[in-house]
PDB file of all heavy atoms in Angstrom:
ATOM      1  N   GLY A   1     -31.031  -8.796  15.849  1.00  0.00           N
ATOM      2  CA  GLY A   1     -30.507  -8.181  17.056  1.00  0.00           C
ATOM      3  C   GLY A   1     -29.413  -8.982  17.725  1.00  0.00           C
ATOM      4  O   GLY A   1     -29.137  -8.789  18.918  1.00  0.00           O
ATOM      5  N   ARG A   2     -28.767  -9.859  16.972  1.00  0.00           N
ATOM      6  CA  ARG A   2     -27.696 -10.697  17.525  1.00  0.00           C
ATOM      7  C   ARG A   2     -26.373 -10.388  16.825  1.00  0.00           C
ATOM      8  O   ARG A   2     -26.345  -9.729  15.783  1.00  0.00           O
ATOM      9  CB  ARG A   2     -28.040 -12.179  17.354  1.00  0.00           C
ATOM     10  CG  ARG A   2     -29.393 -12.582  17.917  1.00  0.00           C
ATOM     11  CD  ARG A   2     -29.562 -12.276  19.395  1.00  0.00           C
ATOM     12  NE  ARG A   2     -30.865 -12.680  19.885  1.00  0.00           N
ATOM     13  CZ  ARG A   2     -31.125 -13.846  20.448  1.00  0.00           C
ATOM     14  NH1 ARG A   2     -30.158 -14.745  20.588  1.00  0.00           N
ATOM     15  NH2 ARG A   2     -32.339 -14.127  20.864  1.00  0.00           N
ATOM     16  N   ARG A   3     -25.301 -10.928  17.387  1.00  0.00           N
ATOM     17  CA  ARG A   3     -23.974 -10.729  16.807  1.00  0.00           C
ATOM     18  C   ARG A   3     -23.320 -12.072  16.519  1.00  0.00           C
ATOM     19  O   ARG A   3     -23.408 -13.006  17.315  1.00  0.00           O
ATOM     20  CB  ARG A   3     -23.080  -9.921  17.752  1.00  0.00           C
ATOM     21  CG  ARG A   3     -23.512  -8.471  17.902  1.00  0.00           C
ATOM     22  CD  ARG A   3     -22.526  -7.697  18.755  1.00  0.00           C
ATOM     23  NE  ARG A   3     -21.191  -7.732  18.183  1.00  0.00           N
ATOM     24  CZ  ARG A   3     -20.104  -7.300  18.830  1.00  0.00           C
ATOM     25  NH1 ARG A   3     -20.213  -6.848  20.069  1.00  0.00           N
ATOM     26  NH2 ARG A   3     -18.922  -7.346  18.255  1.00  0.00           N
ATOM     27  N   LEU A   4     -22.648 -12.135  15.402  1.00  0.00           N
ATOM     28  CA  LEU A   4     -21.958 -13.352  14.985  1.00  0.00           C
ATOM     29  C   LEU A   4     -20.579 -13.418  15.636  1.00  0.00           C
ATOM     30  O   LEU A   4     -19.857 -12.417  15.707  1.00  0.00           O
ATOM     31  CB  LEU A   4     -21.832 -13.384  13.469  1.00  0.00           C
ATOM     32  CG  LEU A   4     -21.105 -14.583  12.832  1.00  0.00           C
ATOM     33  CD1 LEU A   4     -21.752 -14.931  11.491  1.00  0.00           C
ATOM     34  CD2 LEU A   4     -19.608 -14.295  12.622  1.00  0.00           C
ATOM     35  N   ILE A   5     -20.226 -14.620  16.084  1.00  0.00           N
ATOM     36  CA  ILE A   5     -18.871 -14.885  16.537  1.00  0.00           C
ATOM     37  C   ILE A   5     -18.421 -16.174  15.872  1.00  0.00           C
ATOM     38  O   ILE A   5     -19.214 -17.097  15.660  1.00  0.00           O
ATOM     39  CB  ILE A   5     -18.785 -14.985  18.085  1.00  0.00           C
ATOM     40  CG1 ILE A   5     -17.335 -15.179  18.541  1.00  0.00           C
ATOM     41  CG2 ILE A   5     -19.687 -16.079  18.635  1.00  0.00           C
ATOM     42  CD1 ILE A   5     -17.144 -15.026  20.048  1.00  0.00           C
ATOM     43  N   GLY A   6     -17.142 -16.224  15.476  1.00  0.00           N
ATOM     44  CA  GLY A   6     -16.613 -17.410  14.820  1.00  0.00           C
ATOM     45  C   GLY A   6     -15.144 -17.591  15.120  1.00  0.00           C
ATOM     46  O   GLY A   6     -14.473 -16.678  15.617  1.00  0.00           O
ATOM     47  N   TRP A   7     -14.642 -18.772  14.830  1.00  0.00           N
ATOM     48  CA  TRP A   7     -13.213 -19.063  15.017  1.00  0.00           C
ATOM     49  C   TRP A   7     -12.377 -18.216  14.064  1.00  0.00           C
ATOM     50  O   TRP A   7     -12.889 -17.650  13.100  1.00  0.00           O
ATOM     51  CB  TRP A   7     -12.946 -20.543  14.796  1.00  0.00           C
ATOM     52  CG  TRP A   7     -13.697 -21.440  15.737  1.00  0.00           C
ATOM     53  CD1 TRP A   7     -14.754 -22.250  15.428  1.00  0.00           C
ATOM     54  CD2 TRP A   7     -13.461 -21.613  17.137  1.00  0.00           C
ATOM     55  NE1 TRP A   7     -15.192 -22.916  16.547  1.00  0.00           N
ATOM     56  CE2 TRP A   7     -14.422 -22.546  17.612  1.00  0.00           C
ATOM     57  CE3 TRP A   7     -12.546 -21.073  18.043  1.00  0.00           C
ATOM     58  CZ2 TRP A   7     -14.473 -22.940  18.947  1.00  0.00           C
ATOM     59  CZ3 TRP A   7     -12.600 -21.478  19.375  1.00  0.00           C
ATOM     60  CH2 TRP A   7     -13.554 -22.405  19.809  1.00  0.00           C
ATOM     61  N   ASP A   8     -11.076 -18.128  14.325  1.00  0.00           N
ATOM     62  CA  ASP A   8     -10.264 -17.139  13.604  1.00  0.00           C
ATOM     63  C   ASP A   8     -10.136 -17.408  12.104  1.00  0.00           C
ATOM     64  O   ASP A   8      -9.723 -16.525  11.360  1.00  0.00           O
ATOM     65  CB  ASP A   8      -8.877 -16.993  14.244  1.00  0.00           C
ATOM     66  CG  ASP A   8      -8.123 -18.296  14.390  1.00  0.00           C
ATOM     67  OD1 ASP A   8      -7.692 -18.860  13.380  1.00  0.00           O
ATOM     68  OD2 ASP A   8      -7.955 -18.750  15.543  1.00  0.00           O
ATOM     69  N   GLU A   9     -10.545 -18.587  11.615  1.00  0.00           N
ATOM     70  CA  GLU A   9     -10.535 -18.819  10.180  1.00  0.00           C
ATOM     71  C   GLU A   9     -11.490 -17.897   9.427  1.00  0.00           C
ATOM     72  O   GLU A   9     -11.366 -17.730   8.209  1.00  0.00           O
ATOM     73  CB  GLU A   9     -10.894 -20.280   9.861  1.00  0.00           C
ATOM     74  CG  GLU A   9      -9.774 -21.268  10.122  1.00  0.00           C
ATOM     75  CD  GLU A   9      -9.862 -21.907  11.498  1.00  0.00           C
ATOM     76  OE1 GLU A   9     -10.383 -21.248  12.424  1.00  0.00           O
ATOM     77  OE2 GLU A   9      -9.409 -23.048  11.662  1.00  0.00           O
ATOM     78  N   ILE A  10     -12.452 -17.294  10.140  1.00  0.00           N
ATOM     79  CA  ILE A  10     -13.373 -16.397   9.438  1.00  0.00           C
ATOM     80  C   ILE A  10     -12.662 -15.125   8.976  1.00  0.00           C
ATOM     81  O   ILE A  10     -13.242 -14.328   8.219  1.00  0.00           O
ATOM     82  CB  ILE A  10     -14.604 -16.035  10.301  1.00  0.00           C
ATOM     83  CG1 ILE A  10     -14.225 -15.204  11.527  1.00  0.00           C
ATOM     84  CG2 ILE A  10     -15.369 -17.286  10.704  1.00  0.00           C
ATOM     85  CD1 ILE A  10     -15.432 -14.702  12.320  1.00  0.00           C
ATOM     86  N   LEU A  11     -11.410 -14.943   9.391  1.00  0.00           N
ATOM     87  CA  LEU A  11     -10.611 -13.831   8.880  1.00  0.00           C
ATOM     88  C   LEU A  11     -10.213 -14.050   7.426  1.00  0.00           C
ATOM     89  O   LEU A  11      -9.973 -13.095   6.688  1.00  0.00           O
ATOM     90  CB  LEU A  11      -9.346 -13.666   9.732  1.00  0.00           C
ATOM     91  CG  LEU A  11      -9.503 -13.036  11.121  1.00  0.00           C
ATOM     92  CD1 LEU A  11      -8.319 -13.402  11.996  1.00  0.00           C
ATOM     93  CD2 LEU A  11      -9.637 -11.528  10.994  1.00  0.00           C
ATOM     94  N   GLU A  12     -10.124 -15.305   7.016  1.00  0.00           N
ATOM     95  CA  GLU A  12      -9.642 -15.634   5.679  1.00  0.00           C
ATOM     96  C   GLU A  12     -10.655 -15.206   4.623  1.00  0.00           C
ATOM     97  O   GLU A  12     -11.834 -15.545   4.716  1.00  0.00           O
ATOM     98  CB  GLU A  12      -9.363 -17.139   5.583  1.00  0.00           C
ATOM     99  CG  GLU A  12      -8.292 -17.603   6.556  1.00  0.00           C
ATOM    100  CD  GLU A  12      -8.218 -19.125   6.681  1.00  0.00           C
ATOM    101  OE1 GLU A  12      -8.996 -19.812   5.980  1.00  0.00           O
ATOM    102  OE2 GLU A  12      -7.405 -19.609   7.491  1.00  0.00           O
ATOM    103  N   GLY A  13     -10.215 -14.466   3.653  1.00  0.00           N
ATOM    104  CA  GLY A  13     -11.102 -14.000   2.604  1.00  0.00           C
ATOM    105  C   GLY A  13     -11.825 -12.723   2.954  1.00  0.00           C
ATOM    106  O   GLY A  13     -12.636 -12.230   2.172  1.00  0.00           O
ATOM    107  N   GLY A  14     -11.545 -12.147   4.115  1.00  0.00           N
ATOM    108  CA  GLY A  14     -12.188 -10.909   4.534  1.00  0.00           C
ATOM    109  C   GLY A  14     -13.177 -11.149   5.645  1.00  0.00           C
ATOM    110  O   GLY A  14     -13.978 -12.073   5.588  1.00  0.00           O
ATOM    111  N   LEU A  15     -13.127 -10.316   6.666  1.00  0.00           N
ATOM    112  CA  LEU A  15     -13.954 -10.508   7.863  1.00  0.00           C
ATOM    113  C   LEU A  15     -15.280  -9.764   7.722  1.00  0.00           C
ATOM    114  O   LEU A  15     -15.331  -8.611   7.294  1.00  0.00           O
ATOM    115  CB  LEU A  15     -13.201  -9.997   9.093  1.00  0.00           C
ATOM    116  CG  LEU A  15     -13.780 -10.312  10.464  1.00  0.00           C
ATOM    117  CD1 LEU A  15     -13.956 -11.801  10.663  1.00  0.00           C
ATOM    118  CD2 LEU A  15     -12.870  -9.736  11.548  1.00  0.00           C
ATOM    119  N   ALA A  16     -16.356 -10.445   8.084  1.00  0.00           N
ATOM    120  CA  ALA A  16     -17.673  -9.822   8.065  1.00  0.00           C
ATOM    121  C   ALA A  16     -17.687  -8.621   9.007  1.00  0.00           C
ATOM    122  O   ALA A  16     -17.069  -8.655  10.077  1.00  0.00           O
ATOM    123  CB  ALA A  16     -18.736 -10.835   8.481  1.00  0.00           C
ATOM    124  N   PRO A  17     -18.373  -7.534   8.622  1.00  0.00           N
ATOM    125  CA  PRO A  17     -18.293  -6.266   9.360  1.00  0.00           C
ATOM    126  C   PRO A  17     -18.598  -6.359  10.860  1.00  0.00           C
ATOM    127  O   PRO A  17     -17.903  -5.775  11.675  1.00  0.00           O
ATOM    128  CB  PRO A  17     -19.328  -5.381   8.650  1.00  0.00           C
ATOM    129  CG  PRO A  17     -19.423  -5.938   7.277  1.00  0.00           C
ATOM    130  CD  PRO A  17     -19.229  -7.426   7.419  1.00  0.00           C
ATOM    131  N   GLY A  18     -19.644  -7.111  11.231  1.00  0.00           N
ATOM    132  CA  GLY A  18     -20.032  -7.153  12.635  1.00  0.00           C
ATOM    133  C   GLY A  18     -19.492  -8.333  13.408  1.00  0.00           C
ATOM    134  O   GLY A  18     -19.868  -8.548  14.563  1.00  0.00           O
ATOM    135  N   ALA A  19     -18.608  -9.114  12.790  1.00  0.00           N
ATOM    136  CA  ALA A  19     -18.168 -10.372  13.389  1.00  0.00           C
ATOM    137  C   ALA A  19     -17.211 -10.170  14.558  1.00  0.00           C
ATOM    138  O   ALA A  19     -16.398  -9.250  14.573  1.00  0.00           O
ATOM    139  CB  ALA A  19     -17.508 -11.252  12.337  1.00  0.00           C
ATOM    140  N   THR A  20     -17.326 -11.049  15.525  1.00  0.00           N
ATOM    141  CA  THR A  20     -16.374 -11.154  16.626  1.00  0.00           C
ATOM    142  C   THR A  20     -15.547 -12.408  16.406  1.00  0.00           C
ATOM    143  O   THR A  20     -16.072 -13.451  16.013  1.00  0.00           O
ATOM    144  CB  THR A  20     -17.110 -11.235  17.975  1.00  0.00           C
ATOM    145  OG1 THR A  20     -17.807 -10.005  18.200  1.00  0.00           O
ATOM    146  CG2 THR A  20     -16.145 -11.472  19.127  1.00  0.00           C
ATOM    147  N   VAL A  21     -14.254 -12.318  16.645  1.00  0.00           N
ATOM    148  CA  VAL A  21     -13.334 -13.422  16.373  1.00  0.00           C
ATOM    149  C   VAL A  21     -12.937 -14.120  17.658  1.00  0.00           C
ATOM    150  O   VAL A  21     -12.562 -13.476  18.641  1.00  0.00           O
ATOM    151  CB  VAL A  21     -12.074 -12.912  15.641  1.00  0.00           C
ATOM    152  CG1 VAL A  21     -11.021 -14.012  15.532  1.00  0.00           C
ATOM    153  CG2 VAL A  21     -12.437 -12.396  14.252  1.00  0.00           C
ATOM    154  N   MET A  22     -13.023 -15.448  17.644  1.00  0.00           N
ATOM    155  CA  MET A  22     -12.508 -16.271  18.734  1.00  0.00           C
ATOM    156  C   MET A  22     -11.215 -16.900  18.219  1.00  0.00           C
ATOM    157  O   MET A  22     -11.234 -17.767  17.351  1.00  0.00           O
ATOM    158  CB  MET A  22     -13.534 -17.328  19.143  1.00  0.00           C
ATOM    159  CG  MET A  22     -13.129 -18.136  20.353  1.00  0.00           C
ATOM    160  SD  MET A  22     -14.482 -19.199  20.976  1.00  0.00           S
ATOM    161  CE  MET A  22     -15.445 -17.983  21.881  1.00  0.00           C
ATOM    162  N   SER A  23     -10.099 -16.443  18.746  1.00  0.00           N
ATOM    163  CA  SER A  23      -8.788 -16.820  18.213  1.00  0.00           C
ATOM    164  C   SER A  23      -8.262 -18.066  18.914  1.00  0.00           C
ATOM    165  O   SER A  23      -7.892 -18.014  20.086  1.00  0.00           O
ATOM    166  CB  SER A  23      -7.808 -15.654  18.393  1.00  0.00           C
ATOM    167  OG  SER A  23      -6.600 -15.890  17.739  1.00  0.00           O
ATOM    168  N   TRP A  24      -8.233 -19.194  18.184  1.00  0.00           N
ATOM    169  CA  TRP A  24      -7.831 -20.463  18.787  1.00  0.00           C
ATOM    170  C   TRP A  24      -6.509 -20.996  18.254  1.00  0.00           C
ATOM    171  O   TRP A  24      -5.844 -21.796  18.910  1.00  0.00           O
ATOM    172  CB  TRP A  24      -8.921 -21.516  18.586  1.00  0.00           C
ATOM    173  CG  TRP A  24      -9.007 -22.105  17.197  1.00  0.00           C
ATOM    174  CD1 TRP A  24      -9.597 -21.564  16.107  1.00  0.00           C
ATOM    175  CD2 TRP A  24      -8.471 -23.365  16.770  1.00  0.00           C
ATOM    176  NE1 TRP A  24      -9.478 -22.395  15.017  1.00  0.00           N
ATOM    177  CE2 TRP A  24      -8.794 -23.520  15.400  1.00  0.00           C
ATOM    178  CE3 TRP A  24      -7.764 -24.393  17.409  1.00  0.00           C
ATOM    179  CZ2 TRP A  24      -8.422 -24.636  14.660  1.00  0.00           C
ATOM    180  CZ3 TRP A  24      -7.404 -25.515  16.671  1.00  0.00           C
ATOM    181  CH2 TRP A  24      -7.727 -25.632  15.311  1.00  0.00           C
ATOM    182  N   ARG A  25      -6.069 -20.581  17.076  1.00  0.00           N
ATOM    183  CA  ARG A  25      -4.837 -21.118  16.491  1.00  0.00           C
ATOM    184  C   ARG A  25      -3.610 -20.323  16.927  1.00  0.00           C
ATOM    185  O   ARG A  25      -2.593 -20.298  16.242  1.00  0.00           O
ATOM    186  CB  ARG A  25      -4.947 -21.121  14.968  1.00  0.00           C
ATOM    187  CG  ARG A  25      -6.029 -22.030  14.416  1.00  0.00           C
ATOM    188  CD  ARG A  25      -6.090 -21.999  12.903  1.00  0.00           C
ATOM    189  NE  ARG A  25      -6.383 -20.668  12.401  1.00  0.00           N
ATOM    190  CZ  ARG A  25      -6.394 -20.335  11.112  1.00  0.00           C
ATOM    191  NH1 ARG A  25      -6.115 -21.246  10.189  1.00  0.00           N
ATOM    192  NH2 ARG A  25      -6.680 -19.102  10.740  1.00  0.00           N
ATOM    193  N   GLY A  26      -3.696 -19.702  18.063  1.00  0.00           N
ATOM    194  CA  GLY A  26      -2.644 -18.828  18.544  1.00  0.00           C
ATOM    195  C   GLY A  26      -3.230 -17.453  18.811  1.00  0.00           C
ATOM    196  O   GLY A  26      -4.447 -17.277  18.893  1.00  0.00           O
TER     197      GLY A  26
END
């Protein structure tokens, strides 16, 4: 019942369906 959040590198290689992105490199 939780949601994943990660830094914007998690975009690399394809983003997990339910992921939220924290964009720090710009």
